[in-house]
Amino acid sequence: MSQKEVAAVFEELTGRTFEYEHMPIEVMKGMLQDDDEMTRTAAGLMLNCAAGDYVDLTETLEILPVERTGIREFAKALLAQLPA
C-alpha cells in the first residue's frame, strides 16, 4: 500500500481528514548531507518510501516470528489504545 492509502484507512477509521505536505525528492536527497544523524536517517526512510522500495521480510520473520496483520486491523488496534 502507498502511504496515502494507509493514511486513507486512518482517515476512514477516525472520521478525520489529514493534511498532506509534498516534499520534493531533491529536498530529501539534500537532507542526506545534513550534519544531524536523525535528519539523515529520516531522509533515507522518506526516500525509500518515495521510491516504493519493497522490503523482503523472509529472513527477519525467521529470526523474529511474529504474526503479521493487515493495515486496517493494525490501525483499529492502535486507535483503540489512544485516549478518547
N, C-alpha and C. Protein backbone atom coordinates (compact mmCIF):
# COMPACT_ATOMS: atom_id res chain seq x y z
N MET A 1 0.84 -1.19 0.00
CA MET A 1 0.00 0.00 0.00
C MET A 1 0.89 1.24 0.00
N SER A 2 0.40 2.26 -0.63
CA SER A 2 1.13 3.53 -0.61
C SER A 2 0.86 4.24 0.72
N GLN A 3 1.66 5.23 1.01
CA GLN A 3 1.46 6.00 2.24
C GLN A 3 0.08 6.67 2.24
N LYS A 4 -0.35 7.15 1.08
CA LYS A 4 -1.66 7.79 1.01
C LYS A 4 -2.78 6.79 1.25
N GLU A 5 -2.61 5.56 0.79
CA GLU A 5 -3.62 4.53 1.03
C GLU A 5 -3.70 4.18 2.52
N VAL A 6 -2.55 4.12 3.17
CA VAL A 6 -2.53 3.85 4.61
C VAL A 6 -3.19 5.00 5.35
N ALA A 7 -2.86 6.23 4.99
CA ALA A 7 -3.47 7.39 5.62
C ALA A 7 -4.99 7.39 5.41
N ALA A 8 -5.44 6.97 4.25
CA ALA A 8 -6.88 6.92 3.96
C ALA A 8 -7.59 5.96 4.91
N VAL A 9 -6.94 4.86 5.28
CA VAL A 9 -7.53 3.92 6.24
C VAL A 9 -7.70 4.62 7.58
N PHE A 10 -6.67 5.34 8.03
CA PHE A 10 -6.76 6.05 9.30
C PHE A 10 -7.80 7.17 9.23
N GLU A 11 -7.91 7.85 8.10
CA GLU A 11 -8.94 8.87 7.94
C GLU A 11 -10.33 8.25 8.07
N GLU A 12 -10.52 7.14 7.41
CA GLU A 12 -11.82 6.46 7.45
C GLU A 12 -12.17 6.03 8.87
N LEU A 13 -11.21 5.44 9.57
CA LEU A 13 -11.48 4.91 10.91
C LEU A 13 -11.64 6.01 11.96
N THR A 14 -10.99 7.15 11.76
CA THR A 14 -11.08 8.23 12.74
C THR A 14 -12.14 9.26 12.38
N GLY A 15 -12.57 9.25 11.13
CA GLY A 15 -13.52 10.27 10.69
C GLY A 15 -12.88 11.64 10.52
N ARG A 16 -11.56 11.67 10.50
CA ARG A 16 -10.83 12.93 10.35
C ARG A 16 -10.20 12.99 8.96
N THR A 17 -9.89 14.20 8.53
CA THR A 17 -9.19 14.40 7.27
C THR A 17 -7.79 14.90 7.60
N PHE A 18 -6.78 14.28 7.01
CA PHE A 18 -5.40 14.67 7.25
C PHE A 18 -4.92 15.63 6.18
N GLU A 19 -4.01 16.50 6.56
CA GLU A 19 -3.40 17.43 5.62
C GLU A 19 -2.09 16.82 5.14
N TYR A 20 -1.88 16.81 3.85
CA TYR A 20 -0.68 16.23 3.26
C TYR A 20 0.26 17.33 2.81
N GLU A 21 1.54 17.08 2.98
CA GLU A 21 2.55 18.02 2.53
C GLU A 21 3.54 17.29 1.63
N HIS A 22 3.72 17.78 0.43
CA HIS A 22 4.63 17.16 -0.54
C HIS A 22 6.04 17.69 -0.32
N MET A 23 7.01 16.78 -0.29
CA MET A 23 8.41 17.18 -0.19
C MET A 23 9.13 16.67 -1.44
N PRO A 24 9.71 17.58 -2.22
CA PRO A 24 10.41 17.15 -3.43
C PRO A 24 11.57 16.20 -3.13
N ILE A 25 11.81 15.27 -4.04
CA ILE A 25 12.89 14.30 -3.91
C ILE A 25 14.23 15.02 -3.71
N GLU A 26 14.44 16.12 -4.42
CA GLU A 26 15.70 16.85 -4.31
C GLU A 26 15.93 17.35 -2.89
N VAL A 27 14.86 17.75 -2.21
CA VAL A 27 14.98 18.21 -0.82
C VAL A 27 15.40 17.05 0.08
N MET A 28 14.75 15.89 -0.13
CA MET A 28 15.11 14.71 0.67
C MET A 28 16.56 14.31 0.44
N LYS A 29 17.00 14.34 -0.82
CA LYS A 29 18.39 13.99 -1.13
C LYS A 29 19.34 14.97 -0.46
N GLY A 30 18.98 16.24 -0.44
CA GLY A 30 19.80 17.25 0.22
C GLY A 30 19.91 16.99 1.72
N MET A 31 18.84 16.47 2.31
CA MET A 31 18.84 16.18 3.75
C MET A 31 19.84 15.08 4.10
N LEU A 32 20.20 14.24 3.12
CA LEU A 32 21.19 13.18 3.37
C LEU A 32 22.57 13.76 3.70
N GLN A 33 22.80 15.02 3.38
CA GLN A 33 24.08 15.67 3.62
C GLN A 33 24.09 16.45 4.94
N ASP A 34 22.99 16.43 5.67
CA ASP A 34 22.87 17.20 6.91
C ASP A 34 23.83 16.68 7.97
N ASP A 35 24.25 17.55 8.87
CA ASP A 35 25.14 17.16 9.96
C ASP A 35 24.43 16.30 11.00
N ASP A 36 23.11 16.43 11.10
CA ASP A 36 22.33 15.72 12.11
C ASP A 36 22.00 14.31 11.65
N GLU A 37 22.37 13.31 12.46
CA GLU A 37 22.15 11.91 12.10
C GLU A 37 20.67 11.58 11.95
N MET A 38 19.83 12.14 12.82
CA MET A 38 18.39 11.88 12.75
C MET A 38 17.80 12.42 11.44
N THR A 39 18.28 13.57 11.01
CA THR A 39 17.81 14.15 9.75
C THR A 39 18.20 13.25 8.59
N ARG A 40 19.43 12.75 8.59
CA ARG A 40 19.88 11.85 7.53
C ARG A 40 19.07 10.56 7.53
N THR A 41 18.80 10.03 8.72
CA THR A 41 18.01 8.80 8.83
C THR A 41 16.60 9.01 8.30
N ALA A 42 15.97 10.11 8.71
CA ALA A 42 14.62 10.42 8.23
C ALA A 42 14.61 10.58 6.71
N ALA A 43 15.63 11.23 6.18
CA ALA A 43 15.71 11.42 4.73
C ALA A 43 15.81 10.08 4.01
N GLY A 44 16.62 9.18 4.53
CA GLY A 44 16.76 7.86 3.92
C GLY A 44 15.45 7.10 3.93
N LEU A 45 14.75 7.15 5.06
CA LEU A 45 13.45 6.48 5.14
C LEU A 45 12.45 7.08 4.16
N MET A 46 12.42 8.41 4.09
CA MET A 46 11.48 9.07 3.17
C MET A 46 11.79 8.74 1.72
N LEU A 47 13.08 8.69 1.38
CA LEU A 47 13.46 8.35 0.01
C LEU A 47 13.07 6.92 -0.34
N ASN A 48 13.26 6.00 0.60
CA ASN A 48 12.85 4.62 0.35
C ASN A 48 11.35 4.52 0.15
N CYS A 49 10.59 5.22 0.97
CA CYS A 49 9.13 5.21 0.82
C CYS A 49 8.72 5.82 -0.52
N ALA A 50 9.35 6.93 -0.87
CA ALA A 50 9.01 7.61 -2.12
C ALA A 50 9.31 6.73 -3.32
N ALA A 51 10.34 5.90 -3.21
CA ALA A 51 10.72 5.01 -4.31
C ALA A 51 9.85 3.76 -4.34
N GLY A 52 9.04 3.56 -3.29
CA GLY A 52 8.21 2.37 -3.24
C GLY A 52 9.02 1.11 -3.02
N ASP A 53 10.15 1.26 -2.33
CA ASP A 53 11.02 0.10 -2.10
C ASP A 53 10.30 -1.01 -1.35
N TYR A 54 10.49 -2.22 -1.83
CA TYR A 54 9.94 -3.41 -1.20
C TYR A 54 10.97 -3.98 -0.26
N VAL A 55 10.57 -4.33 0.94
CA VAL A 55 11.47 -4.93 1.91
C VAL A 55 11.05 -6.39 2.09
N ASP A 56 11.95 -7.30 1.74
CA ASP A 56 11.68 -8.72 1.90
C ASP A 56 11.90 -9.08 3.37
N LEU A 57 10.83 -9.49 4.04
CA LEU A 57 10.90 -9.80 5.47
C LEU A 57 11.12 -11.28 5.76
N THR A 58 11.36 -12.08 4.75
CA THR A 58 11.50 -13.52 4.93
C THR A 58 12.54 -13.86 6.00
N GLU A 59 13.74 -13.34 5.87
CA GLU A 59 14.81 -13.64 6.81
C GLU A 59 14.49 -13.08 8.20
N THR A 60 13.96 -11.88 8.25
CA THR A 60 13.61 -11.26 9.54
C THR A 60 12.56 -12.09 10.26
N LEU A 61 11.55 -12.56 9.53
CA LEU A 61 10.48 -13.35 10.15
C LEU A 61 10.96 -14.72 10.61
N GLU A 62 12.04 -15.21 10.03
CA GLU A 62 12.63 -16.46 10.51
C GLU A 62 13.29 -16.25 11.86
N ILE A 63 13.90 -15.10 12.05
CA ILE A 63 14.58 -14.77 13.30
C ILE A 63 13.58 -14.32 14.36
N LEU A 64 12.65 -13.48 13.96
CA LEU A 64 11.63 -12.93 14.87
C LEU A 64 10.25 -13.27 14.34
N PRO A 65 9.79 -14.47 14.56
CA PRO A 65 8.49 -14.86 14.00
C PRO A 65 7.34 -14.14 14.73
N VAL A 66 6.72 -13.25 14.03
CA VAL A 66 5.56 -12.54 14.56
C VAL A 66 4.39 -12.72 13.61
N GLU A 67 3.21 -12.65 14.15
CA GLU A 67 2.03 -12.74 13.31
C GLU A 67 1.80 -11.39 12.64
N ARG A 68 1.76 -11.41 11.34
CA ARG A 68 1.51 -10.17 10.62
C ARG A 68 0.02 -9.93 10.51
N THR A 69 -0.35 -8.68 10.38
CA THR A 69 -1.75 -8.31 10.28
C THR A 69 -1.92 -7.27 9.18
N GLY A 70 -3.12 -7.08 8.73
CA GLY A 70 -3.39 -6.07 7.72
C GLY A 70 -3.42 -4.68 8.34
N ILE A 71 -3.32 -3.66 7.50
CA ILE A 71 -3.27 -2.29 7.99
C ILE A 71 -4.55 -1.89 8.71
N ARG A 72 -5.70 -2.35 8.23
CA ARG A 72 -6.97 -2.00 8.88
C ARG A 72 -7.02 -2.54 10.31
N GLU A 73 -6.60 -3.80 10.50
CA GLU A 73 -6.60 -4.39 11.83
C GLU A 73 -5.57 -3.69 12.72
N PHE A 74 -4.40 -3.38 12.15
CA PHE A 74 -3.37 -2.67 12.91
C PHE A 74 -3.88 -1.31 13.34
N ALA A 75 -4.49 -0.58 12.42
CA ALA A 75 -5.00 0.77 12.73
C ALA A 75 -6.06 0.71 13.82
N LYS A 76 -6.97 -0.24 13.73
CA LYS A 76 -8.01 -0.38 14.76
C LYS A 76 -7.40 -0.63 16.12
N ALA A 77 -6.43 -1.55 16.18
CA ALA A 77 -5.78 -1.87 17.46
C ALA A 77 -5.02 -0.67 18.01
N LEU A 78 -4.34 0.05 17.14
CA LEU A 78 -3.59 1.23 17.56
C LEU A 78 -4.53 2.31 18.07
N LEU A 79 -5.58 2.58 17.33
CA LEU A 79 -6.52 3.62 17.73
C LEU A 79 -7.26 3.28 19.02
N ALA A 80 -7.47 1.99 19.27
CA ALA A 80 -8.15 1.56 20.48
C ALA A 80 -7.31 1.87 21.72
N GLN A 81 -6.00 2.03 21.55
CA GLN A 81 -5.10 2.30 22.67
C GLN A 81 -5.03 3.78 23.01
N LEU A 82 -5.51 4.63 22.13
CA LEU A 82 -5.42 6.07 22.36
C LEU A 82 -6.52 6.54 23.30
N PRO A 83 -6.21 7.59 24.09
CA PRO A 83 -7.25 8.13 24.95
C PRO A 83 -8.40 8.72 24.13
N ALA A 84 -9.58 8.66 24.66
CA ALA A 84 -10.78 9.14 23.93
C ALA A 84 -10.79 10.64 23.78
